[in-house]
Amino acid sequence: MRQGVGVQDLFTTLSMDRKTRLHWASQVKSVRQLRGLKQSDLAEIAGVSRGTVGNIENGAMAPHVKSLWSVMQALDLDPDPAHEWPSYVEEYIRMLAPLIMRLEEKSRGEVMGEVIMLLGRATKDDQA
C-alpha cells in the first residue's frame, strides 16, 4: 500500500473524469477479492466507510474522486495508463482470478509458480 500523496497523485485525482472514475471503480471488487479482503477490511485500510466501498463496487454511479482515490491507494491501483493491459490480457486475468482465489493458500505459491514457468517457457519459445 502506498503512503502519502505526491504532486503527480494529486494531479491524477483532480483530472479523473466520470468515465475514468467508473473504469477504476469497476476494478475495485476483483482486486479486493484477489487480495482476500472483505469490504470492511478495505474500508478500514482506505479510511472510508464500508458503505462507500460497496457503492464504489456496485458501480451505480461514479464515485467521488477523493473516496475512489483512497480505495485505489489502499489496493495499490495506479491510474497511470501505462499500467493498463490490453483487453485480451484483462479478460484472461478475469478468468484466472477466481481460480487462483479457490486455491488453498498452502499450495497457491507452488501452483502459480508452475503457471508462471509455463508462461515463461511459452514466451521464450515464441521468441526463438
Protein backbone atom coordinates (compact mmCIF):
# COMPACT_ATOMS: atom_id res chain seq x y z
CA MET A 1 0.00 0.00 0.00
CA ARG A 2 1.36 3.40 -0.97
CA GLN A 3 1.68 6.11 1.62
CA GLY A 4 1.22 9.83 1.14
CA VAL A 5 0.07 11.81 -1.84
CA GLY A 6 2.59 13.26 -4.27
CA VAL A 7 2.13 16.02 -6.80
CA GLN A 8 1.51 13.51 -9.60
CA ASP A 9 -1.08 11.72 -7.44
CA LEU A 10 -2.87 15.00 -6.77
CA PHE A 11 -2.86 15.92 -10.47
CA THR A 12 -4.21 12.48 -11.39
CA THR A 13 -7.06 12.65 -8.90
CA LEU A 14 -8.06 16.13 -9.99
CA SER A 15 -8.10 15.09 -13.64
CA MET A 16 -10.30 11.98 -13.23
CA ASP A 17 -13.41 12.47 -15.33
CA ARG A 18 -16.61 10.46 -14.80
CA LYS A 19 -15.67 7.77 -17.34
CA THR A 20 -12.25 7.30 -15.72
CA ARG A 21 -13.75 7.10 -12.24
CA LEU A 22 -16.25 4.46 -13.41
CA HIS A 23 -13.45 2.49 -15.06
CA TRP A 24 -11.35 2.40 -11.88
CA ALA A 25 -14.39 1.73 -9.70
CA SER A 26 -15.09 -1.37 -11.83
CA GLN A 27 -11.64 -2.74 -10.90
CA VAL A 28 -12.05 -2.45 -7.13
CA LYS A 29 -14.12 -5.55 -6.33
CA SER A 30 -11.98 -8.03 -8.24
CA VAL A 31 -8.74 -6.62 -6.85
CA ARG A 32 -10.15 -6.57 -3.32
CA GLN A 33 -11.25 -10.19 -3.64
CA LEU A 34 -7.95 -11.21 -5.20
CA ARG A 35 -6.20 -9.77 -2.17
CA GLY A 36 -8.52 -11.69 0.16
CA LEU A 37 -10.04 -8.58 1.72
CA LYS A 38 -13.60 -8.05 2.91
CA GLN A 39 -15.27 -4.73 2.16
CA SER A 40 -14.89 -3.78 5.82
CA ASP A 41 -11.13 -4.56 5.68
CA LEU A 42 -10.66 -2.37 2.62
CA ALA A 43 -12.76 0.39 4.16
CA GLU A 44 -10.57 0.42 7.26
CA ILE A 45 -7.33 0.49 5.26
CA ALA A 46 -8.63 3.23 2.93
CA GLY A 47 -10.17 5.33 5.70
CA VAL A 48 -13.66 5.27 4.19
CA SER A 49 -16.90 3.61 5.26
CA ARG A 50 -17.86 0.07 4.26
CA GLY A 51 -20.88 1.61 2.53
CA THR A 52 -18.57 3.73 0.39
CA VAL A 53 -16.65 0.64 -0.69
CA GLY A 54 -19.96 -1.07 -1.52
CA ASN A 55 -21.15 1.92 -3.52
CA ILE A 56 -17.88 2.04 -5.45
CA GLU A 57 -18.11 -1.68 -6.21
CA ASN A 58 -21.76 -1.67 -7.31
CA GLY A 59 -20.98 0.94 -9.97
CA ALA A 60 -24.41 2.54 -9.83
CA MET A 61 -22.83 5.98 -10.05
CA ALA A 62 -19.39 7.48 -10.45
CA PRO A 63 -17.75 7.70 -7.01
CA HIS A 64 -16.32 10.88 -5.57
CA VAL A 65 -12.69 11.28 -6.59
CA LYS A 66 -11.40 11.52 -3.02
CA SER A 67 -13.12 8.29 -1.91
CA LEU A 68 -12.13 6.40 -5.03
CA TRP A 69 -8.54 7.59 -4.77
CA SER A 70 -8.33 6.44 -1.12
CA VAL A 71 -9.60 2.99 -2.10
CA MET A 72 -7.26 2.81 -5.11
CA GLN A 73 -4.26 3.69 -2.95
CA ALA A 74 -5.25 1.04 -0.40
CA LEU A 75 -5.28 -1.55 -3.22
CA ASP A 76 -2.16 -0.17 -4.96
CA LEU A 77 -4.17 0.55 -8.11
CA ASP A 78 -2.35 3.03 -10.31
CA PRO A 79 -4.30 5.26 -12.69
CA ASP A 80 -1.27 5.66 -14.93
CA PRO A 81 -2.44 4.48 -18.39
CA ALA A 82 0.97 2.89 -18.93
CA HIS A 83 -0.02 0.29 -16.32
CA GLU A 84 -3.18 -0.83 -18.11
CA TRP A 85 -3.25 -4.07 -20.07
CA PRO A 86 -4.88 -4.72 -23.43
CA SER A 87 -8.44 -6.01 -23.14
CA TYR A 88 -7.47 -9.59 -24.04
CA VAL A 89 -4.99 -9.68 -21.13
CA GLU A 90 -7.60 -8.29 -18.74
CA GLU A 91 -10.03 -11.00 -19.91
CA TYR A 92 -7.51 -13.76 -19.11
CA ILE A 93 -6.86 -12.18 -15.72
CA ARG A 94 -10.61 -12.14 -15.02
CA MET A 95 -10.76 -15.84 -15.90
CA LEU A 96 -7.74 -16.75 -13.77
CA ALA A 97 -8.52 -14.67 -10.68
CA PRO A 98 -11.47 -16.78 -9.41
CA LEU A 99 -9.43 -19.96 -9.90
CA ILE A 100 -6.45 -18.52 -8.03
CA MET A 101 -8.74 -17.46 -5.20
CA ARG A 102 -10.03 -21.05 -4.88
CA LEU A 103 -6.54 -22.49 -4.45
CA GLU A 104 -5.59 -23.47 -0.92
CA GLU A 105 -3.19 -20.92 0.49
CA LYS A 106 -0.52 -23.52 1.26
CA SER A 107 -0.36 -24.66 -2.39
CA ARG A 108 -1.11 -21.35 -4.12
CA GLY A 109 2.54 -20.29 -4.47
CA GLU A 110 3.60 -23.61 -5.93
CA VAL A 111 0.73 -23.76 -8.42
CA MET A 112 1.20 -20.16 -9.53
CA GLY A 113 4.94 -20.76 -9.84
CA GLU A 114 4.20 -23.59 -12.26
CA VAL A 115 1.81 -21.38 -14.25
CA ILE A 116 4.40 -18.62 -14.44
CA MET A 117 7.10 -21.08 -15.51
CA LEU A 118 4.82 -22.45 -18.24
CA LEU A 119 4.07 -18.94 -19.50
CA GLY A 120 7.76 -18.07 -19.37
CA ARG A 121 8.70 -21.14 -21.41
CA ALA A 122 5.99 -20.34 -23.98
CA THR A 123 7.31 -16.79 -24.26
CA LYS A 124 10.89 -17.98 -24.78
CA ASP A 125 9.68 -20.48 -27.40
CA ASP A 126 7.85 -17.69 -29.24
CA GLN A 127 10.96 -15.50 -29.29
CA ALA A 128 13.28 -18.23 -30.57
